[in-house]
């Protein structure tokens, strides 16, 4: 999965697998978490948001099943 480097709040990189509907997020502490069942529209809104950290907290963090990868 390609990761897009970002500098938004605690987010450092984000990536998305459209086939599996998996959002991968790397945080500033190097923790890597995958969120399952994320629609492509949510990914689009997150990746183009002017306030990515706020969008993530409000629309992803507690809305989708998370699995820590690292």
Protein backbone atom coordinates (compact mmCIF):
# COMPACT_ATOMS: atom_id res chain seq x y z
CA UNK A 1 0.00 0.00 0.00
CA UNK A 2 1.41 3.40 -0.96
CA UNK A 3 1.62 5.81 1.94
CA UNK A 4 1.23 9.57 1.56
CA UNK A 5 3.48 11.56 3.91
CA UNK A 6 1.53 14.17 5.85
CA UNK A 7 2.20 16.50 8.75
CA UNK A 8 -1.20 16.98 10.34
CA UNK A 9 -1.55 16.87 14.10
CA UNK A 10 -0.34 13.43 15.17
CA UNK A 11 -0.65 11.96 11.65
CA UNK A 12 2.58 11.33 9.74
CA UNK A 13 1.42 9.16 6.83
CA UNK A 14 -1.82 7.75 5.41
CA UNK A 15 -2.60 5.11 2.81
CA UNK A 16 -5.65 3.36 1.41
CA UNK A 17 -6.39 -0.01 -0.18
CA UNK A 18 -9.57 0.48 -2.23
CA UNK A 19 -10.08 -3.25 -2.86
CA UNK A 20 -9.90 -4.17 0.81
CA UNK A 21 -11.36 -0.85 2.04
CA UNK A 22 -8.48 -0.54 4.50
CA UNK A 23 -7.11 2.78 5.70
CA UNK A 24 -3.58 2.67 7.13
CA UNK A 25 -2.42 5.47 9.40
CA UNK A 26 1.05 6.14 10.80
CA UNK A 27 1.20 8.38 13.86
CA UNK A 28 4.01 10.62 15.08
CA UNK A 29 5.04 7.96 17.64
CA UNK A 30 5.56 5.54 14.67
CA UNK A 31 2.49 3.50 15.67
CA UNK A 32 0.84 2.04 12.56
CA UNK A 33 -2.90 1.27 12.65
CA UNK A 34 -5.23 -0.17 10.00
CA UNK A 35 -8.93 0.70 9.94
CA UNK A 36 -11.24 -1.80 8.20
CA UNK A 37 -14.34 -1.09 6.13
CA UNK A 38 -13.49 2.51 5.31
CA UNK A 39 -15.40 3.74 2.23
CA UNK A 40 -13.46 5.35 -0.60
CA UNK A 41 -15.37 8.61 -0.05
CA UNK A 42 -14.09 8.79 3.54
CA UNK A 43 -10.55 8.25 2.24
CA UNK A 44 -11.01 10.97 -0.36
CA UNK A 45 -12.31 13.43 2.22
CA UNK A 46 -9.53 12.60 4.68
CA UNK A 47 -6.73 12.82 2.13
CA UNK A 48 -7.92 16.17 0.77
CA UNK A 49 -9.00 17.74 4.06
CA UNK A 50 -7.49 21.05 5.10
CA UNK A 51 -7.77 19.82 8.68
CA UNK A 52 -6.77 16.18 8.32
CA UNK A 53 -6.22 15.50 12.03
CA UNK A 54 -9.66 16.86 12.96
CA UNK A 55 -11.33 14.93 10.13
CA UNK A 56 -9.58 11.74 11.25
CA UNK A 57 -10.65 12.18 14.89
CA UNK A 58 -14.24 13.06 14.01
CA UNK A 59 -14.89 10.58 11.18
CA UNK A 60 -12.48 7.64 11.40
CA UNK A 61 -10.85 7.03 14.78
CA UNK A 62 -13.86 5.65 16.66
CA UNK A 63 -16.03 4.77 13.65
CA UNK A 64 -14.13 1.80 12.17
CA UNK A 65 -12.56 -1.37 13.55
CA UNK A 66 -8.87 -0.76 14.21
CA UNK A 67 -5.94 -3.16 14.25
CA UNK A 68 -2.48 -2.11 15.37
CA UNK A 69 0.16 -3.23 12.87
CA UNK A 70 3.18 -1.70 14.59
